[in-house]
Amino acid sequence: MSLTARILGITRPPSGVLAVDRIACTGHGICAHVLPEQIVLDEWGYPLLTDSEPDPALATEAIKLCPAAALRWVGPPAR
């Protein structure tokens, strides 16, 4: 966890990953502006996640700014 995340008290679930709810997403693209290294927009303006791990503080900010609440931390799939 980065120093910024610890200072701000931002945490994420253990072994959690950033995910986009494609049904809820309305394609505003704010997430791609906040996380340009981790999220690129497709030809219609919808987000595509890259394999790189996002900064938890920036990812949390992108989650808060998403007008459709389509971006979130999720845990690993249940076995």
Protein backbone atom coordinates (compact mmCIF):
# COMPACT_ATOMS: atom_id res chain seq x y z
CA MET A 1 0.00 0.00 0.00
CA SER A 2 1.35 3.41 -0.91
CA LEU A 3 2.10 6.09 1.65
CA THR A 4 -0.67 8.26 0.21
CA ALA A 5 -3.19 5.45 0.65
CA ARG A 6 -2.12 4.91 4.26
CA ILE A 7 -2.32 8.63 5.08
CA LEU A 8 -5.77 8.97 3.50
CA GLY A 9 -6.98 5.70 5.03
CA ILE A 10 -7.78 4.23 1.62
CA THR A 11 -7.83 0.48 1.53
CA ARG A 12 -8.97 -2.15 -0.89
CA PRO A 13 -10.10 -5.70 -0.34
CA PRO A 14 -7.30 -8.24 0.09
CA SER A 15 -6.38 -9.53 -3.35
CA GLY A 16 -9.15 -7.37 -4.82
CA VAL A 17 -9.11 -6.04 -8.34
CA LEU A 18 -10.65 -3.07 -10.06
CA ALA A 19 -13.71 -3.97 -12.14
CA VAL A 20 -16.21 -2.23 -14.41
CA ASP A 21 -19.90 -3.14 -14.42
CA ARG A 22 -20.44 -3.00 -18.18
CA ILE A 23 -24.22 -2.94 -17.83
CA ALA A 24 -24.22 0.01 -15.42
CA CYS A 25 -21.52 1.96 -17.30
CA THR A 26 -22.81 4.88 -19.37
CA GLY A 27 -19.50 5.72 -21.04
CA HIS A 28 -18.67 9.09 -19.47
CA GLY A 29 -14.95 8.21 -19.48
CA ILE A 30 -14.06 9.94 -16.21
CA CYS A 31 -12.31 6.79 -15.01
CA ALA A 32 -9.96 6.88 -17.99
CA HIS A 33 -9.00 10.47 -17.19
CA VAL A 34 -8.22 9.60 -13.57
CA LEU A 35 -6.47 6.29 -14.41
CA PRO A 36 -5.00 6.71 -17.91
CA GLU A 37 -2.41 3.96 -17.38
CA GLN A 38 -4.99 1.37 -16.31
CA ILE A 39 -8.11 2.30 -18.30
CA VAL A 40 -8.42 3.03 -22.01
CA LEU A 41 -11.64 3.83 -23.83
CA ASP A 42 -12.95 1.74 -26.69
CA GLU A 43 -14.29 3.27 -29.91
CA TRP A 44 -17.66 4.02 -28.25
CA GLY A 45 -16.14 5.59 -25.13
CA TYR A 46 -16.53 2.63 -22.79
CA PRO A 47 -13.65 1.63 -20.48
CA LEU A 48 -11.31 -1.29 -21.03
CA LEU A 49 -9.09 -2.27 -18.11
CA THR A 50 -5.42 -3.00 -18.70
CA ASP A 51 -3.43 -5.59 -16.76
CA SER A 52 -1.46 -3.04 -14.76
CA GLU A 53 -2.31 -2.56 -11.09
CA PRO A 54 -3.79 0.87 -10.31
CA ASP A 55 -2.69 3.15 -7.52
CA PRO A 56 -5.28 2.50 -4.77
CA ALA A 57 -5.75 6.21 -4.04
CA LEU A 58 -6.38 7.09 -7.69
CA ALA A 59 -8.60 4.06 -8.21
CA THR A 60 -10.67 5.00 -5.17
CA GLU A 61 -11.01 8.52 -6.56
CA ALA A 62 -12.15 7.14 -9.93
CA ILE A 63 -14.71 4.94 -8.14
CA LYS A 64 -16.06 7.99 -6.28
CA LEU A 65 -16.24 10.11 -9.45
CA CYS A 66 -18.02 7.52 -11.62
CA PRO A 67 -21.50 9.00 -12.27
CA ALA A 68 -22.98 5.55 -12.98
CA ALA A 69 -21.29 3.83 -9.99
CA ALA A 70 -20.00 1.24 -12.44
CA LEU A 71 -16.43 1.08 -11.16
CA ARG A 72 -15.59 -0.86 -7.97
CA TRP A 73 -13.19 -3.09 -6.10
CA VAL A 74 -14.12 -6.76 -6.26
CA GLY A 75 -12.65 -9.80 -4.57
CA PRO A 76 -11.41 -12.92 -6.27
CA PRO A 77 -14.07 -15.31 -7.61
CA ALA A 78 -15.37 -17.91 -5.15
CA ARG A 79 -14.24 -21.48 -5.72
